[in-house]
């Protein structure tokens, strides 16, 4: 707790707390600007962008992935959302994770996503896309875990660190679709998973671009017997 207090103090000095929308001091997002963060009102297959029902992967893209759906919470073109995601990930402002998690919860509740896919705290677990231990050491946290924790607490669904990254892959930024897939190939493995074999998986990440990382995580899960794999991301960046 003492270290966290010191860390927050240093961050406030380097990055004074102000609203990412209107620059009001004292908060990262004021109530007025929070209203400008809207959840998505249309659903597409996140892999080919074809319109789909509730974010389900289209029949054509199903041939290349084991993921049933990729739910995209909000539009990455929203400048406030971009700043929030960037500041969490690269300026290490952990408090922002709660804002993004609340946005995801709003999305899930509004569309009754878990009810429509029969996802409960008894038959499902939440899993996050992992960072390699070296990158985790540098950043100090996995932003996807911070977001997932609040979602897991709200819906009372267990959060299990099922996947780990065994290869410290290069950043996906700047890579084309084919290079992204090759970059993450065989990068992931599973921790002890036998107790969860019959569970539905909700795989959470902050941002999806081409879906290469999610697809590779889903492949590892499927190879080890998991059959119902869903994914939830805050936003989708254009490739």
Protein backbone atom coordinates (compact mmCIF):
# COMPACT_ATOMS: atom_id res chain seq x y z
CA UNK A 1 0.00 0.00 0.00
CA UNK A 2 2.86 2.38 0.82
CA UNK A 3 4.52 1.65 -2.53
CA UNK A 4 1.23 2.23 -4.34
CA UNK A 5 0.81 5.59 -2.58
CA UNK A 6 4.33 6.65 -3.60
CA UNK A 7 3.75 5.44 -7.16
CA UNK A 8 0.48 7.42 -7.42
CA UNK A 9 2.22 10.51 -6.05
CA UNK A 10 4.98 10.26 -8.67
CA UNK A 11 2.47 9.68 -11.46
CA UNK A 12 0.47 12.72 -10.35
CA UNK A 13 3.64 14.80 -10.62
CA UNK A 14 4.56 13.50 -14.07
CA UNK A 15 1.01 13.19 -15.40
CA UNK A 16 -1.23 15.55 -13.37
CA UNK A 17 -4.72 14.12 -13.04
CA UNK A 18 -7.01 15.86 -15.49
CA UNK A 19 -9.98 14.85 -17.60
CA UNK A 20 -8.96 13.38 -20.95
CA UNK A 21 -11.95 15.06 -22.54
CA UNK A 22 -12.09 18.62 -21.23
CA UNK A 23 -8.89 18.84 -19.12
CA UNK A 24 -10.77 19.52 -15.90
CA UNK A 25 -8.36 18.98 -13.03
CA UNK A 26 -8.72 16.27 -10.41
CA UNK A 27 -10.26 13.43 -12.47
CA UNK A 28 -9.27 11.36 -15.48
CA UNK A 29 -12.79 11.55 -16.86
CA UNK A 30 -15.46 13.95 -15.65
CA UNK A 31 -19.15 13.03 -15.68
CA UNK A 32 -19.85 15.13 -18.78
CA UNK A 33 -17.07 13.53 -20.81
CA UNK A 34 -17.97 10.09 -19.52
CA UNK A 35 -21.23 10.47 -21.43
CA UNK A 36 -19.18 10.88 -24.61
CA UNK A 37 -17.86 7.34 -24.18
CA UNK A 38 -20.58 5.38 -25.93
CA UNK A 39 -20.83 1.63 -26.24
CA UNK A 40 -21.01 0.16 -29.74
CA UNK A 41 -24.47 0.15 -31.28
CA UNK A 42 -23.67 -2.25 -34.09
CA UNK A 43 -22.05 -5.66 -34.27
CA UNK A 44 -19.55 -7.02 -36.78
CA UNK A 45 -17.38 -10.06 -37.21
CA UNK A 46 -14.15 -8.62 -35.78
CA UNK A 47 -12.03 -10.65 -38.21
CA UNK A 48 -13.55 -9.46 -41.52
CA UNK A 49 -15.86 -6.62 -40.36
CA UNK A 50 -18.92 -8.18 -41.94
CA UNK A 51 -22.11 -7.36 -40.03
CA UNK A 52 -22.99 -10.14 -37.60
CA UNK A 53 -25.40 -10.94 -34.78
CA UNK A 54 -24.01 -9.96 -31.37
CA UNK A 55 -20.41 -10.02 -32.55
CA UNK A 56 -20.41 -13.63 -33.64
CA UNK A 57 -17.60 -14.72 -35.93
CA UNK A 58 -19.03 -15.16 -39.43
CA UNK A 59 -19.26 -18.60 -41.04
CA UNK A 60 -16.35 -17.89 -43.35
CA UNK A 61 -13.99 -16.70 -40.59
CA UNK A 62 -14.98 -19.61 -38.37
CA UNK A 63 -12.77 -21.74 -40.61
CA UNK A 64 -9.69 -19.92 -39.29
CA UNK A 65 -10.44 -19.61 -35.57
CA UNK A 66 -11.92 -21.40 -32.59
CA UNK A 67 -13.42 -18.19 -31.18
CA UNK A 68 -17.20 -18.02 -31.34
CA UNK A 69 -17.54 -14.27 -30.80
CA UNK A 70 -15.42 -11.18 -30.30
CA UNK A 71 -17.44 -8.55 -28.44
CA UNK A 72 -16.06 -5.06 -29.09
CA UNK A 73 -17.23 -2.67 -26.39
CA UNK A 74 -16.63 0.74 -27.98
CA UNK A 75 -15.37 2.58 -31.04
CA UNK A 76 -11.60 3.09 -31.11
CA UNK A 77 -12.10 6.22 -33.21
CA UNK A 78 -13.39 7.97 -30.09
CA UNK A 79 -10.43 10.21 -29.19
CA UNK A 80 -11.14 10.10 -25.46
CA UNK A 81 -11.17 6.30 -25.53
CA UNK A 82 -7.88 6.25 -27.45
CA UNK A 83 -6.23 8.46 -24.84
CA UNK A 84 -7.54 6.34 -21.99
CA UNK A 85 -6.26 3.10 -23.52
CA UNK A 86 -2.89 4.63 -24.42
CA UNK A 87 -2.41 6.19 -20.98
CA UNK A 88 -3.21 2.93 -19.20
CA UNK A 89 -0.88 0.92 -21.41
CA UNK A 90 2.06 3.26 -21.91
CA UNK A 91 1.86 5.82 -19.11
CA UNK A 92 0.98 3.12 -16.57
CA UNK A 93 -1.99 4.95 -15.05
CA UNK A 94 -3.70 1.93 -13.46
CA UNK A 95 -6.74 3.90 -12.27
CA UNK A 96 -7.93 4.15 -15.88
CA UNK A 97 -8.58 0.40 -15.93
CA UNK A 98 -11.69 0.95 -13.79
CA UNK A 99 -13.13 3.39 -16.33
CA UNK A 100 -12.64 0.88 -19.15
CA UNK A 101 -13.96 -2.01 -17.08
CA UNK A 102 -17.11 -0.06 -16.20
CA UNK A 103 -17.63 0.67 -19.89
CA UNK A 104 -17.38 -3.06 -20.63
CA UNK A 105 -19.83 -3.87 -17.84
CA UNK A 106 -22.27 -1.32 -19.26
CA UNK A 107 -21.97 -2.97 -22.69
CA UNK A 108 -22.48 -6.50 -21.33
CA UNK A 109 -25.50 -5.44 -19.28
CA UNK A 110 -27.11 -3.35 -22.02
CA UNK A 111 -27.11 -6.19 -24.54
CA UNK A 112 -27.57 -8.93 -21.92
CA UNK A 113 -24.60 -10.66 -23.51
CA UNK A 114 -23.96 -13.26 -20.83
CA UNK A 115 -27.65 -14.17 -20.59
CA UNK A 116 -27.94 -14.62 -24.36
CA UNK A 117 -24.94 -16.95 -24.47
CA UNK A 118 -25.82 -18.79 -21.25
CA UNK A 119 -22.65 -17.63 -19.52
CA UNK A 120 -22.87 -17.97 -15.74
CA UNK A 121 -20.52 -17.97 -12.79
CA UNK A 122 -20.91 -21.73 -12.58
CA UNK A 123 -20.23 -22.76 -16.16
CA UNK A 124 -17.67 -20.12 -17.20
CA UNK A 125 -14.32 -18.59 -16.33
CA UNK A 126 -12.64 -15.36 -17.38
CA UNK A 127 -9.14 -15.60 -18.85
CA UNK A 128 -6.84 -12.79 -19.98
CA UNK A 129 -4.30 -12.49 -22.77
CA UNK A 130 -0.99 -12.66 -20.86
CA UNK A 131 2.13 -10.55 -21.02
CA UNK A 132 5.54 -12.18 -21.03
CA UNK A 133 7.17 -12.03 -17.59
CA UNK A 134 9.86 -9.62 -18.84
CA UNK A 135 7.30 -7.16 -20.18
CA UNK A 136 5.21 -7.57 -17.05
CA UNK A 137 8.25 -6.71 -14.95
CA UNK A 138 8.80 -3.51 -16.93
CA UNK A 139 5.16 -2.37 -16.91
CA UNK A 140 4.33 -3.61 -13.43
CA UNK A 141 0.88 -4.88 -14.41
CA UNK A 142 -1.10 -6.47 -17.20
CA UNK A 143 -3.74 -3.95 -18.29
CA UNK A 144 -6.06 -6.74 -19.44
CA UNK A 145 -5.93 -8.33 -15.98
CA UNK A 146 -6.83 -5.03 -14.30
CA UNK A 147 -9.86 -4.65 -16.59
CA UNK A 148 -10.84 -8.30 -16.21
CA UNK A 149 -10.67 -8.21 -12.40
CA UNK A 150 -13.44 -5.65 -12.12
CA UNK A 151 -15.60 -7.46 -14.70
CA UNK A 152 -15.05 -10.75 -12.87
CA UNK A 153 -15.97 -9.20 -9.53
CA UNK A 154 -19.13 -7.60 -10.91
CA UNK A 155 -20.47 -10.77 -12.54
CA UNK A 156 -18.98 -13.09 -9.91
CA UNK A 157 -17.25 -15.16 -12.59
CA UNK A 158 -13.87 -16.66 -11.61
CA UNK A 159 -10.80 -15.02 -13.11
CA UNK A 160 -8.22 -17.72 -13.81
CA UNK A 161 -4.67 -17.13 -15.09
CA UNK A 162 -4.94 -20.05 -17.46
CA UNK A 163 -2.67 -18.91 -20.29
CA UNK A 164 0.94 -17.81 -20.06
CA UNK A 165 3.21 -16.35 -22.73
CA UNK A 166 6.23 -18.58 -23.16
CA UNK A 167 7.85 -16.45 -25.90
CA UNK A 168 8.59 -12.77 -25.48
CA UNK A 169 7.20 -11.75 -28.86
CA UNK A 170 7.88 -8.48 -30.64
CA UNK A 171 5.22 -5.79 -30.55
CA UNK A 172 2.46 -6.32 -33.09
CA UNK A 173 2.35 -2.61 -33.93
CA UNK A 174 3.40 -1.95 -37.51
CA UNK A 175 3.15 -5.57 -38.61
CA UNK A 176 0.81 -6.65 -41.39
CA UNK A 177 -1.82 -9.35 -40.89
CA UNK A 178 0.41 -12.24 -41.96
CA UNK A 179 3.38 -11.05 -39.91
CA UNK A 180 1.18 -10.62 -36.83
CA UNK A 181 0.01 -14.21 -37.02
CA UNK A 182 3.56 -15.51 -37.46
CA UNK A 183 4.82 -13.32 -34.61
CA UNK A 184 2.52 -14.93 -32.02
CA UNK A 185 2.65 -18.49 -33.36
CA UNK A 186 3.38 -20.95 -30.53
CA UNK A 187 3.83 -18.03 -28.13
CA UNK A 188 1.31 -19.31 -25.57
CA UNK A 189 0.83 -22.31 -23.34
CA UNK A 190 -1.53 -23.32 -20.53
CA UNK A 191 -1.07 -23.55 -16.79
CA UNK A 192 -2.84 -26.27 -14.81
CA UNK A 193 -6.20 -26.46 -16.51
CA UNK A 194 -7.74 -29.88 -15.84
CA UNK A 195 -10.18 -28.47 -13.26
CA UNK A 196 -11.66 -26.12 -15.87
CA UNK A 197 -11.98 -28.43 -18.88
CA UNK A 198 -15.78 -28.15 -19.12
CA UNK A 199 -15.91 -24.39 -18.62
CA UNK A 200 -16.80 -21.74 -21.15
CA UNK A 201 -13.97 -19.25 -21.68
CA UNK A 202 -14.34 -15.46 -21.83
CA UNK A 203 -10.97 -14.28 -23.17
CA UNK A 204 -10.33 -10.62 -22.36
CA UNK A 205 -7.88 -8.17 -23.92
CA UNK A 206 -7.77 -4.40 -24.17
CA UNK A 207 -7.52 -3.92 -27.94
CA UNK A 208 -7.88 -6.16 -30.97
CA UNK A 209 -6.53 -5.34 -34.42
CA UNK A 210 -6.45 -8.33 -36.75
CA UNK A 211 -7.31 -10.83 -34.02
CA UNK A 212 -4.04 -12.75 -34.40
CA UNK A 213 -3.25 -12.83 -30.68
CA UNK A 214 -6.78 -13.83 -29.69
CA UNK A 215 -6.82 -16.53 -32.37
CA UNK A 216 -3.53 -17.98 -31.15
CA UNK A 217 -4.75 -18.02 -27.53
CA UNK A 218 -7.96 -19.71 -28.67
CA UNK A 219 -5.97 -22.31 -30.62
CA UNK A 220 -4.02 -23.28 -27.51
CA UNK A 221 -7.25 -23.50 -25.52
CA UNK A 222 -8.94 -25.59 -28.20
CA UNK A 223 -5.91 -27.89 -28.54
CA UNK A 224 -6.30 -28.63 -24.84
CA UNK A 225 -9.98 -29.47 -24.98
CA UNK A 226 -11.85 -26.19 -24.53
CA UNK A 227 -14.78 -25.94 -26.91
CA UNK A 228 -16.66 -22.72 -26.11
CA UNK A 229 -14.37 -19.73 -26.40
CA UNK A 230 -15.67 -16.16 -26.45
CA UNK A 231 -13.69 -12.94 -26.40
CA UNK A 232 -14.28 -9.45 -25.04
CA UNK A 233 -12.16 -6.41 -25.97
CA UNK A 234 -12.55 -2.74 -25.21
CA UNK A 235 -11.97 -1.56 -28.78
CA UNK A 236 -10.78 -2.58 -32.23
CA UNK A 237 -8.00 -0.70 -33.93
CA UNK A 238 -7.86 -0.65 -37.71
CA UNK A 239 -5.03 -2.64 -39.29
